[in-house]
């Protein structure tokens, strides 16, 4: 009886081809396993500062002095870290109040943090502040220094108001954006008129 070979392959060639495919498959599987292992998140250690002591949805925090509200923070979610006296928040909205308790500016951002000891706030990622007189401040990060009652940043800022538009690097201001100091690289247009 005569053996029939598939056309184009001899027995030796077929065995070599199978060995080549097996080697290639082994390399691909090994490569995929290495990628999967390296992409796996390492689990935080128990007792580590990476693990929050509490997670709160629909978080609210009000800061006041002598019964007067300074600000109220609302967030979609908060991660409380007791060991470092820090709260990280997602999608914070901060309402600032004047001395008579009226709301005078709002801040929104993608994320932020609260220092539990100092009550300082940090807002990060797409930060927008809107005041009652429709002044808007846009920046990437902003810090509220509670003891000095000011907002500050070293990031690029854009301020749009009825008086004009100003851009610059860094800022120091009160929460109502009434007294603004741009640190450097100031440019913009204003229709402000001096009184005669």
N, C-alpha and C. Protein backbone atom coordinates (compact mmCIF):
# COMPACT_ATOMS: atom_id res chain seq x y z
N UNK A 1 0.83 -1.15 0.00
CA UNK A 1 0.00 0.00 0.00
C UNK A 1 0.89 1.24 0.00
N UNK A 2 0.49 2.19 -0.81
CA UNK A 2 1.26 3.39 -1.01
C UNK A 2 0.65 4.50 -0.17
N UNK A 3 1.50 5.21 0.58
CA UNK A 3 1.03 6.36 1.39
C UNK A 3 0.85 7.58 0.52
N UNK A 4 -0.21 8.30 0.79
CA UNK A 4 -0.46 9.52 0.03
C UNK A 4 -0.04 10.71 0.91
N UNK A 5 0.84 11.55 0.39
CA UNK A 5 1.31 12.76 1.09
C UNK A 5 0.52 13.96 0.59
N UNK A 6 0.16 14.88 1.50
CA UNK A 6 -0.48 16.10 1.02
C UNK A 6 0.45 16.82 0.07
N UNK A 7 -0.13 17.44 -0.92
CA UNK A 7 0.71 18.09 -1.92
C UNK A 7 1.50 19.23 -1.31
N UNK A 8 2.74 19.37 -1.65
CA UNK A 8 3.60 20.45 -1.19
C UNK A 8 4.29 20.16 0.13
N UNK A 9 3.94 19.11 0.84
CA UNK A 9 4.58 18.80 2.12
C UNK A 9 5.07 17.38 2.12
N UNK A 10 6.33 17.22 2.49
CA UNK A 10 6.82 15.88 2.74
C UNK A 10 6.69 15.64 4.22
N UNK A 11 6.86 14.48 4.70
CA UNK A 11 6.74 14.15 6.12
C UNK A 11 7.68 14.98 6.98
N UNK A 12 8.91 15.19 6.51
CA UNK A 12 9.91 15.95 7.24
C UNK A 12 9.51 17.42 7.29
N UNK A 13 9.06 17.94 6.15
CA UNK A 13 8.64 19.34 6.10
C UNK A 13 7.45 19.59 7.02
N UNK A 14 6.51 18.67 7.06
CA UNK A 14 5.33 18.82 7.90
C UNK A 14 5.71 18.84 9.38
N UNK A 15 6.63 17.95 9.78
CA UNK A 15 7.08 17.92 11.17
C UNK A 15 7.78 19.22 11.54
N UNK A 16 8.61 19.76 10.64
CA UNK A 16 9.30 21.02 10.90
C UNK A 16 8.30 22.16 11.02
N UNK A 17 7.29 22.15 10.16
CA UNK A 17 6.28 23.21 10.20
C UNK A 17 5.49 23.16 11.51
N UNK A 18 5.14 21.99 11.98
CA UNK A 18 4.42 21.83 13.25
C UNK A 18 5.28 22.31 14.41
N UNK A 19 6.58 21.98 14.40
CA UNK A 19 7.50 22.44 15.45
C UNK A 19 7.60 23.97 15.45
N UNK A 20 7.67 24.58 14.26
CA UNK A 20 7.75 26.04 14.14
C UNK A 20 6.49 26.70 14.69
N UNK A 21 5.34 26.16 14.34
CA UNK A 21 4.07 26.71 14.84
C UNK A 21 4.00 26.57 16.36
N UNK A 22 4.43 25.45 16.90
CA UNK A 22 4.42 25.23 18.35
C UNK A 22 5.33 26.23 19.06
N UNK A 23 6.51 26.49 18.49
CA UNK A 23 7.43 27.47 19.09
C UNK A 23 6.82 28.86 19.05
N UNK A 24 6.23 29.24 17.92
CA UNK A 24 5.60 30.55 17.79
C UNK A 24 4.44 30.70 18.78
N UNK A 25 3.63 29.65 18.92
CA UNK A 25 2.51 29.67 19.86
C UNK A 25 3.02 29.80 21.30
N UNK A 26 4.08 29.09 21.64
CA UNK A 26 4.68 29.19 22.97
C UNK A 26 5.15 30.62 23.25
N UNK A 27 5.80 31.25 22.28
CA UNK A 27 6.29 32.62 22.45
C UNK A 27 5.12 33.59 22.66
N UNK A 28 4.07 33.45 21.86
CA UNK A 28 2.90 34.33 21.98
C UNK A 28 2.23 34.16 23.33
N UNK A 29 2.01 32.93 23.78
CA UNK A 29 1.37 32.66 25.07
C UNK A 29 2.23 33.21 26.21
N UNK A 30 3.53 33.01 26.14
CA UNK A 30 4.44 33.54 27.16
C UNK A 30 4.38 35.06 27.21
N UNK A 31 4.37 35.70 26.05
CA UNK A 31 4.30 37.16 25.96
C UNK A 31 2.99 37.67 26.57
N UNK A 32 1.87 37.03 26.25
CA UNK A 32 0.56 37.42 26.80
C UNK A 32 0.55 37.26 28.31
N UNK A 33 1.09 36.18 28.83
CA UNK A 33 1.14 35.97 30.28
C UNK A 33 1.98 37.04 30.97
N UNK A 34 3.10 37.40 30.38
CA UNK A 34 3.96 38.45 30.96
C UNK A 34 3.20 39.77 31.01
N UNK A 35 2.48 40.11 29.95
CA UNK A 35 1.70 41.34 29.93
C UNK A 35 0.61 41.31 31.00
N UNK A 36 -0.10 40.21 31.11
CA UNK A 36 -1.17 40.11 32.10
C UNK A 36 -0.64 40.23 33.52
N UNK A 37 0.48 39.61 33.80
CA UNK A 37 1.06 39.67 35.14
C UNK A 37 1.56 41.08 35.45
N UNK A 38 2.19 41.74 34.48
CA UNK A 38 2.72 43.08 34.73
C UNK A 38 1.62 44.12 34.84
N UNK A 39 0.47 43.90 34.22
CA UNK A 39 -0.63 44.87 34.27
C UNK A 39 -1.49 44.71 35.52
N UNK A 40 -1.36 43.60 36.20
CA UNK A 40 -2.17 43.36 37.38
C UNK A 40 -1.82 44.37 38.46
N UNK A 41 -2.85 44.99 39.07
CA UNK A 41 -2.61 45.97 40.13
C UNK A 41 -2.11 45.25 41.37
N UNK A 42 -1.11 45.84 42.00
CA UNK A 42 -0.65 45.25 43.24
C UNK A 42 -1.64 45.62 44.33
N UNK A 43 -1.95 44.67 45.16
CA UNK A 43 -2.91 44.91 46.22
C UNK A 43 -2.25 45.69 47.35
N UNK A 44 -2.94 46.73 47.87
CA UNK A 44 -2.35 47.48 48.97
C UNK A 44 -2.25 46.62 50.22
N UNK A 45 -1.24 46.90 51.02
CA UNK A 45 -1.03 46.16 52.26
C UNK A 45 -2.04 46.61 53.30
N UNK A 46 -2.52 45.69 54.09
CA UNK A 46 -3.45 46.02 55.15
C UNK A 46 -2.76 46.95 56.13
N UNK A 47 -3.43 48.02 56.53
CA UNK A 47 -2.84 49.00 57.42
C UNK A 47 -2.09 50.08 56.66
N UNK A 48 -2.05 49.97 55.36
CA UNK A 48 -1.35 50.94 54.54
C UNK A 48 -2.17 52.22 54.42
N UNK A 49 -1.48 53.35 54.12
CA UNK A 49 -2.18 54.61 53.92
C UNK A 49 -2.96 54.61 52.61
N UNK A 50 -2.75 53.60 51.76
CA UNK A 50 -3.47 53.51 50.50
C UNK A 50 -4.90 53.03 50.67
N UNK A 51 -5.21 52.47 51.81
CA UNK A 51 -6.56 51.97 52.05
C UNK A 51 -7.30 52.98 52.92
N UNK A 52 -8.43 53.51 52.41
CA UNK A 52 -9.18 54.48 53.23
C UNK A 52 -9.84 53.80 54.42
N UNK A 53 -9.95 54.55 55.52
CA UNK A 53 -10.64 54.01 56.68
C UNK A 53 -12.15 54.03 56.47
N UNK A 54 -12.63 54.95 55.61
CA UNK A 54 -14.05 55.01 55.26
C UNK A 54 -14.20 55.48 53.82
N UNK A 55 -15.26 55.03 53.18
CA UNK A 55 -15.65 55.53 51.86
C UNK A 55 -17.10 55.98 52.00
N UNK A 56 -17.36 57.24 51.62
CA UNK A 56 -18.68 57.82 51.80
C UNK A 56 -19.21 58.30 50.46
N UNK A 57 -20.41 57.88 50.11
CA UNK A 57 -21.07 58.40 48.91
C UNK A 57 -22.00 59.53 49.32
N UNK A 58 -22.11 60.57 48.48
CA UNK A 58 -22.94 61.72 48.82
C UNK A 58 -22.36 62.49 49.99
N UNK A 59 -21.07 62.74 49.95
CA UNK A 59 -20.33 63.37 51.06
C UNK A 59 -20.64 64.86 51.16
N UNK A 60 -20.76 65.37 52.41
CA UNK A 60 -20.94 66.80 52.70
C UNK A 60 -20.09 67.18 53.89
N UNK A 61 -19.47 68.36 53.80
CA UNK A 61 -18.64 68.88 54.88
C UNK A 61 -18.84 70.39 54.93
N UNK A 62 -19.10 70.92 56.12
CA UNK A 62 -19.25 72.37 56.28
C UNK A 62 -18.18 72.87 57.22
N UNK A 63 -17.46 73.92 56.79
CA UNK A 63 -16.44 74.56 57.62
C UNK A 63 -17.00 75.89 58.10
N UNK A 64 -16.91 76.12 59.39
CA UNK A 64 -17.42 77.38 59.95
C UNK A 64 -16.49 77.86 61.06
N UNK A 65 -16.58 79.18 61.33
CA UNK A 65 -15.83 79.80 62.42
C UNK A 65 -16.81 80.65 63.21
N UNK A 66 -16.88 80.43 64.50
CA UNK A 66 -17.78 81.17 65.39
C UNK A 66 -19.21 81.17 64.85
N UNK A 67 -19.64 80.04 64.34
CA UNK A 67 -21.01 79.90 63.86
C UNK A 67 -21.26 80.43 62.46
N UNK A 68 -20.24 81.03 61.83
CA UNK A 68 -20.40 81.54 60.46
C UNK A 68 -19.81 80.55 59.47
N UNK A 69 -20.62 80.20 58.47
CA UNK A 69 -20.15 79.27 57.43
C UNK A 69 -19.07 79.94 56.59
N UNK A 70 -17.97 79.22 56.38
CA UNK A 70 -16.94 79.67 55.45
C UNK A 70 -17.13 79.01 54.09
N UNK A 71 -17.32 77.69 54.13
CA UNK A 71 -17.58 76.95 52.90
C UNK A 71 -18.32 75.66 53.21
N UNK A 72 -18.94 75.14 52.17
CA UNK A 72 -19.60 73.84 52.25
C UNK A 72 -19.11 73.02 51.06
N UNK A 73 -18.60 71.84 51.34
CA UNK A 73 -18.11 70.95 50.30
C UNK A 73 -19.07 69.80 50.12
N UNK A 74 -19.43 69.53 48.88
CA UNK A 74 -20.24 68.36 48.53
C UNK A 74 -19.43 67.56 47.52
N UNK A 75 -19.51 66.24 47.59
CA UNK A 75 -18.78 65.40 46.64
C UNK A 75 -19.56 64.13 46.37
N UNK A 76 -19.37 63.59 45.17
CA UNK A 76 -20.02 62.35 44.80
C UNK A 76 -19.53 61.23 45.72
N UNK A 77 -18.22 61.20 45.97
CA UNK A 77 -17.64 60.15 46.82
C UNK A 77 -16.45 60.72 47.57
N UNK A 78 -16.26 60.26 48.80
CA UNK A 78 -15.12 60.70 49.61
C UNK A 78 -14.41 59.48 50.18
N UNK A 79 -13.08 59.57 50.22
CA UNK A 79 -12.23 58.52 50.78
C UNK A 79 -11.51 59.13 51.98
N UNK A 80 -11.85 58.67 53.17
CA UNK A 80 -11.29 59.24 54.39
C UNK A 80 -10.10 58.40 54.85
N UNK A 81 -8.97 59.10 55.08
CA UNK A 81 -7.74 58.46 55.54
C UNK A 81 -7.40 59.04 56.91
N UNK A 82 -7.81 58.34 57.96
CA UNK A 82 -7.61 58.84 59.33
C UNK A 82 -6.14 59.00 59.67
N UNK A 83 -5.30 58.08 59.23
CA UNK A 83 -3.88 58.11 59.60
C UNK A 83 -3.16 59.34 59.06
N UNK A 84 -3.60 59.87 57.93
CA UNK A 84 -2.94 61.05 57.36
C UNK A 84 -3.81 62.31 57.43
N UNK A 85 -4.95 62.23 58.13
CA UNK A 85 -5.86 63.37 58.28
C UNK A 85 -6.23 63.98 56.93
N UNK A 86 -6.55 63.13 55.97
CA UNK A 86 -6.84 63.59 54.62
C UNK A 86 -8.13 62.95 54.13
N UNK A 87 -8.86 63.71 53.31
CA UNK A 87 -10.04 63.20 52.63
C UNK A 87 -9.86 63.49 51.14
N UNK A 88 -9.90 62.46 50.32
CA UNK A 88 -9.88 62.64 48.87
C UNK A 88 -11.32 62.57 48.38
N UNK A 89 -11.69 63.48 47.47
CA UNK A 89 -13.07 63.54 46.99
C UNK A 89 -13.12 63.49 45.48
N UNK A 90 -14.20 62.93 44.95
CA UNK A 90 -14.43 62.93 43.51
C UNK A 90 -15.57 63.89 43.20
N UNK A 91 -15.40 64.64 42.13
CA UNK A 91 -16.36 65.63 41.66
C UNK A 91 -16.85 66.56 42.78
N UNK A 92 -15.90 67.27 43.42
CA UNK A 92 -16.31 68.18 44.49
C UNK A 92 -17.00 69.43 43.96
N UNK A 93 -17.93 69.93 44.75
CA UNK A 93 -18.54 71.25 44.54
C UNK A 93 -18.38 71.97 45.87
N UNK A 94 -17.75 73.14 45.82
CA UNK A 94 -17.51 73.90 47.05
C UNK A 94 -18.23 75.23 46.93
N UNK A 95 -19.04 75.53 47.94
CA UNK A 95 -19.77 76.80 47.99
C UNK A 95 -19.11 77.65 49.07
N UNK A 96 -18.65 78.85 48.68
CA UNK A 96 -18.03 79.77 49.63
C UNK A 96 -19.08 80.81 50.06
N UNK A 97 -19.01 81.21 51.33
CA UNK A 97 -19.98 82.16 51.90
C UNK A 97 -19.26 83.42 52.36
N UNK A 98 -19.96 84.57 52.26
CA UNK A 98 -19.39 85.83 52.76
C UNK A 98 -19.70 85.96 54.26
N UNK A 99 -19.29 87.09 54.86
CA UNK A 99 -19.45 87.29 56.31
C UNK A 99 -20.91 87.28 56.76
N UNK A 100 -21.83 87.64 55.87
CA UNK A 100 -23.24 87.64 56.24
C UNK A 100 -23.93 86.31 55.94
N UNK A 101 -23.16 85.30 55.51
CA UNK A 101 -23.71 83.97 55.27
C UNK A 101 -24.29 83.77 53.89
N UNK A 102 -24.10 84.74 52.99
CA UNK A 102 -24.60 84.60 51.62
C UNK A 102 -23.56 83.89 50.76
N UNK A 103 -24.08 83.07 49.87
CA UNK A 103 -23.23 82.37 48.92
C UNK A 103 -22.63 83.38 47.95
N UNK A 104 -21.28 83.37 47.77
CA UNK A 104 -20.71 84.33 46.84
C UNK A 104 -19.83 83.73 45.76
N UNK A 105 -19.48 82.44 45.88
CA UNK A 105 -18.78 81.79 44.78
C UNK A 105 -18.93 80.27 44.90
N UNK A 106 -18.82 79.61 43.74
CA UNK A 106 -18.91 78.15 43.67
C UNK A 106 -17.70 77.63 42.92
N UNK A 107 -17.17 76.53 43.37
CA UNK A 107 -16.04 75.87 42.73
C UNK A 107 -16.46 74.45 42.39
N UNK A 108 -16.14 74.00 41.17
CA UNK A 108 -16.33 72.61 40.79
C UNK A 108 -15.03 72.10 40.19
N UNK A 109 -14.79 70.80 40.33
CA UNK A 109 -13.59 70.17 39.80
C UNK A 109 -13.85 68.68 39.63
N UNK A 110 -12.90 68.00 39.02
CA UNK A 110 -13.02 66.54 38.86
C UNK A 110 -12.64 65.80 40.14
N UNK A 111 -11.66 66.35 40.87
CA UNK A 111 -11.21 65.69 42.10
C UNK A 111 -10.64 66.72 43.06
N UNK A 112 -10.40 66.30 44.29
CA UNK A 112 -9.84 67.21 45.27
C UNK A 112 -9.46 66.50 46.56
N UNK A 113 -8.95 67.29 47.50
CA UNK A 113 -8.54 66.77 48.81
C UNK A 113 -8.83 67.81 49.88
N UNK A 114 -9.04 67.32 51.09
CA UNK A 114 -9.26 68.17 52.26
C UNK A 114 -8.25 67.75 53.32
N UNK A 115 -7.58 68.74 53.92
CA UNK A 115 -6.71 68.47 55.06
C UNK A 115 -7.58 68.63 56.30
N UNK A 116 -7.78 67.54 57.05
CA UNK A 116 -8.67 67.58 58.23
C UNK A 116 -8.16 68.48 59.35
N UNK A 117 -6.86 68.68 59.45
CA UNK A 117 -6.32 69.52 60.53
C UNK A 117 -6.45 71.00 60.21
N UNK A 118 -6.06 71.40 59.01
CA UNK A 118 -6.04 72.83 58.65
C UNK A 118 -7.31 73.29 57.94
N UNK A 119 -8.11 72.35 57.44
CA UNK A 119 -9.30 72.62 56.61
C UNK A 119 -8.92 73.26 55.27
N UNK A 120 -7.66 73.12 54.85
CA UNK A 120 -7.25 73.56 53.53
C UNK A 120 -7.86 72.61 52.50
N UNK A 121 -8.13 73.15 51.31
CA UNK A 121 -8.72 72.37 50.23
C UNK A 121 -7.82 72.42 49.00
N UNK A 122 -7.80 71.34 48.26
CA UNK A 122 -7.11 71.30 46.97
C UNK A 122 -8.11 70.80 45.95
N UNK A 123 -8.29 71.56 44.87
CA UNK A 123 -9.14 71.13 43.75
C UNK A 123 -8.24 70.86 42.56
N UNK A 124 -8.52 69.75 41.85
CA UNK A 124 -7.69 69.36 40.72
C UNK A 124 -8.54 68.97 39.51
N UNK A 125 -7.96 69.19 38.34
CA UNK A 125 -8.54 68.74 37.07
C UNK A 125 -9.82 69.48 36.71
N UNK A 126 -9.71 70.33 35.72
CA UNK A 126 -10.84 71.09 35.19
C UNK A 126 -11.55 71.89 36.28
N UNK A 127 -10.78 72.73 36.97
CA UNK A 127 -11.32 73.54 38.06
C UNK A 127 -12.00 74.78 37.48
N UNK A 128 -13.22 75.04 37.93
CA UNK A 128 -13.97 76.23 37.52
C UNK A 128 -14.54 76.89 38.77
N UNK A 129 -14.29 78.19 38.89
CA UNK A 129 -14.88 78.98 39.97
C UNK A 129 -15.81 80.00 39.32
N UNK A 130 -17.04 80.11 39.83
CA UNK A 130 -17.99 81.10 39.35
C UNK A 130 -18.44 81.94 40.54
N UNK A 131 -18.37 83.26 40.38
CA UNK A 131 -18.81 84.16 41.45
C UNK A 131 -20.23 84.65 41.17
N UNK A 132 -20.82 85.31 42.17
CA UNK A 132 -22.17 85.83 42.02
C UNK A 132 -22.26 86.89 40.93
N UNK A 133 -21.17 87.63 40.65
CA UNK A 133 -21.21 88.65 39.60
C UNK A 133 -20.79 88.09 38.24
N UNK A 134 -20.85 86.76 38.09
CA UNK A 134 -20.58 86.06 36.83
C UNK A 134 -19.13 86.17 36.36
N UNK A 135 -18.20 86.25 37.28
CA UNK A 135 -16.79 86.12 36.96
C UNK A 135 -16.46 84.63 36.99
N UNK A 136 -15.70 84.17 35.98
CA UNK A 136 -15.32 82.76 35.90
C UNK A 136 -13.80 82.64 35.94
N UNK A 137 -13.32 81.68 36.71
CA UNK A 137 -11.90 81.35 36.78
C UNK A 137 -11.76 79.90 36.33
N UNK A 138 -10.85 79.67 35.37
CA UNK A 138 -10.57 78.33 34.86
C UNK A 138 -9.10 78.02 35.11
N UNK A 139 -8.83 76.84 35.67
CA UNK A 139 -7.45 76.42 35.91
C UNK A 139 -7.42 74.91 36.08
N UNK A 140 -6.21 74.36 36.24
CA UNK A 140 -6.07 72.92 36.41
C UNK A 140 -5.99 72.52 37.89
N UNK A 141 -5.58 73.45 38.74
CA UNK A 141 -5.52 73.14 40.18
C UNK A 141 -5.65 74.44 40.96
N UNK A 142 -6.21 74.33 42.15
CA UNK A 142 -6.43 75.51 42.98
C UNK A 142 -6.42 75.07 44.44
N UNK A 143 -5.78 75.87 45.29
CA UNK A 143 -5.67 75.56 46.71
C UNK A 143 -6.38 76.65 47.51
N UNK A 144 -7.22 76.25 48.47
CA UNK A 144 -7.83 77.16 49.42
C UNK A 144 -7.03 77.05 50.71
N UNK A 145 -6.37 78.15 51.11
CA UNK A 145 -5.62 78.18 52.37
C UNK A 145 -6.55 78.77 53.41
N UNK A 146 -7.10 77.93 54.24
CA UNK A 146 -8.16 78.32 55.17
C UNK A 146 -7.70 79.37 56.17
N UNK A 147 -6.49 79.25 56.70
CA UNK A 147 -6.03 80.20 57.72
C UNK A 147 -5.87 81.62 57.16
N UNK A 148 -5.55 81.73 55.85
CA UNK A 148 -5.36 83.04 55.22
C UNK A 148 -6.58 83.49 54.41
N UNK A 149 -7.56 82.58 54.25
CA UNK A 149 -8.79 82.86 53.50
C UNK A 149 -8.50 83.30 52.06
N UNK A 150 -7.58 82.59 51.39
CA UNK A 150 -7.23 82.91 50.00
C UNK A 150 -7.22 81.64 49.15
N UNK A 151 -7.37 81.83 47.83
CA UNK A 151 -7.14 80.75 46.88
C UNK A 151 -5.85 81.06 46.14
N UNK A 152 -5.11 80.02 45.80
CA UNK A 152 -3.84 80.22 45.12
C UNK A 152 -3.54 79.04 44.21
N UNK A 153 -2.73 79.30 43.19
CA UNK A 153 -2.26 78.25 42.29
C UNK A 153 -1.01 78.73 41.58
N UNK A 154 -0.22 77.79 41.10
CA UNK A 154 0.91 78.09 40.23
C UNK A 154 0.58 77.70 38.80
N UNK A 155 -0.59 77.13 38.58
CA UNK A 155 -1.00 76.68 37.25
C UNK A 155 -1.47 77.86 36.39
N UNK A 156 -1.64 77.61 35.10
CA UNK A 156 -2.16 78.61 34.18
C UNK A 156 -3.60 78.91 34.54
N UNK A 157 -3.99 80.19 34.53
CA UNK A 157 -5.36 80.58 34.86
C UNK A 157 -5.95 81.45 33.75
N UNK A 158 -7.24 81.34 33.57
CA UNK A 158 -8.01 82.21 32.68
C UNK A 158 -9.17 82.76 33.49
N UNK A 159 -9.33 84.08 33.44
CA UNK A 159 -10.42 84.73 34.17
C UNK A 159 -11.26 85.51 33.15
N UNK A 160 -12.54 85.20 33.12
CA UNK A 160 -13.48 85.89 32.24
C UNK A 160 -14.51 86.61 33.10
N UNK A 161 -14.67 87.92 32.86
CA UNK A 161 -15.66 88.69 33.61
C UNK A 161 -16.26 89.75 32.70
N UNK A 162 -17.21 90.49 33.23
CA UNK A 162 -17.83 91.58 32.48
C UNK A 162 -16.81 92.66 32.15
N UNK A 163 -15.78 92.79 32.98
CA UNK A 163 -14.74 93.80 32.76
C UNK A 163 -13.70 93.39 31.72
N UNK A 164 -13.62 92.11 31.37
CA UNK A 164 -12.65 91.66 30.39
C UNK A 164 -12.17 90.25 30.65
N UNK A 165 -11.14 89.87 29.91
CA UNK A 165 -10.57 88.53 30.01
C UNK A 165 -9.07 88.65 30.29
N UNK A 166 -8.60 87.87 31.26
CA UNK A 166 -7.19 87.91 31.65
C UNK A 166 -6.69 86.47 31.76
N UNK A 167 -5.45 86.25 31.32
CA UNK A 167 -4.79 84.97 31.47
C UNK A 167 -3.43 85.19 32.10
N UNK A 168 -2.92 84.18 32.75
CA UNK A 168 -1.59 84.29 33.32
C UNK A 168 -1.16 83.03 34.04
N UNK A 169 0.07 83.06 34.51
CA UNK A 169 0.64 81.92 35.23
C UNK A 169 0.55 82.19 36.71
N UNK A 170 -0.25 81.40 37.42
CA UNK A 170 -0.37 81.52 38.87
C UNK A 170 -1.33 82.60 39.29
N UNK A 171 -1.81 82.48 40.53
CA UNK A 171 -2.82 83.41 41.03
C UNK A 171 -2.86 83.37 42.55
N UNK A 172 -3.16 84.52 43.14
CA UNK A 172 -3.50 84.63 44.56
C UNK A 172 -4.74 85.51 44.59
N UNK A 173 -5.79 85.07 45.30
CA UNK A 173 -7.03 85.84 45.33
C UNK A 173 -7.86 85.48 46.55
N UNK A 174 -8.84 86.34 46.83
CA UNK A 174 -9.86 85.96 47.81
C UNK A 174 -10.83 85.02 47.10
N UNK A 175 -11.68 84.35 47.84
CA UNK A 175 -12.59 83.35 47.25
C UNK A 175 -13.62 83.99 46.32
N UNK A 176 -13.92 85.26 46.51
CA UNK A 176 -14.88 85.94 45.66
C UNK A 176 -14.28 86.53 44.40
N UNK A 177 -12.98 86.35 44.20
CA UNK A 177 -12.24 86.87 43.05
C UNK A 177 -12.37 88.39 42.91
N UNK A 178 -12.40 89.08 44.05
CA UNK A 178 -12.47 90.55 44.04
C UNK A 178 -11.07 91.15 44.02
N UNK A 179 -10.14 90.53 44.74
CA UNK A 179 -8.75 91.00 44.82
C UNK A 179 -7.86 89.93 44.21
N UNK A 180 -7.54 90.09 42.93
CA UNK A 180 -6.80 89.06 42.19
C UNK A 180 -5.40 89.55 41.88
N UNK A 181 -4.42 88.69 42.13
CA UNK A 181 -3.05 88.95 41.73
C UNK A 181 -2.60 87.80 40.84
N UNK A 182 -2.29 88.10 39.58
CA UNK A 182 -1.72 87.10 38.67
C UNK A 182 -0.21 87.13 38.87
N UNK A 183 0.41 85.98 39.08
CA UNK A 183 1.83 85.93 39.43
C UNK A 183 2.76 86.29 38.27
N UNK A 184 2.49 85.81 37.04
CA UNK A 184 3.38 86.13 35.91
C UNK A 184 2.70 85.85 34.59
N UNK A 185 3.36 86.27 33.50
CA UNK A 185 2.89 86.04 32.13
C UNK A 185 1.46 86.51 31.92
N UNK A 186 1.16 87.70 32.40
CA UNK A 186 -0.20 88.24 32.33
C UNK A 186 -0.48 88.76 30.93
N UNK A 187 -1.66 88.43 30.41
CA UNK A 187 -2.11 89.01 29.15
C UNK A 187 -3.63 89.03 29.16
N UNK A 188 -4.19 89.94 28.40
CA UNK A 188 -5.64 90.00 28.34
C UNK A 188 -6.15 91.35 27.89
N UNK A 189 -7.47 91.49 27.92
CA UNK A 189 -8.15 92.71 27.51
C UNK A 189 -9.16 93.07 28.59
N UNK A 190 -9.30 94.39 28.80
CA UNK A 190 -10.26 94.85 29.79
C UNK A 190 -10.93 96.12 29.28
N UNK A 191 -12.19 96.26 29.59
CA UNK A 191 -12.89 97.51 29.25
C UNK A 191 -13.11 98.35 30.51
N UNK A 192 -12.25 98.14 31.51
CA UNK A 192 -12.36 98.88 32.76
C UNK A 192 -12.09 100.36 32.50
N UNK A 193 -12.92 101.23 33.06
CA UNK A 193 -12.80 102.68 32.92
C UNK A 193 -12.51 103.29 34.29
N UNK A 194 -11.49 104.13 34.37
CA UNK A 194 -11.20 104.86 35.60
C UNK A 194 -12.24 105.97 35.76
N UNK A 195 -12.63 106.22 36.99
CA UNK A 195 -13.57 107.30 37.25
C UNK A 195 -12.88 108.64 37.03
N UNK A 196 -13.62 109.63 36.49
CA UNK A 196 -13.04 110.96 36.21
C UNK A 196 -13.17 111.85 37.40
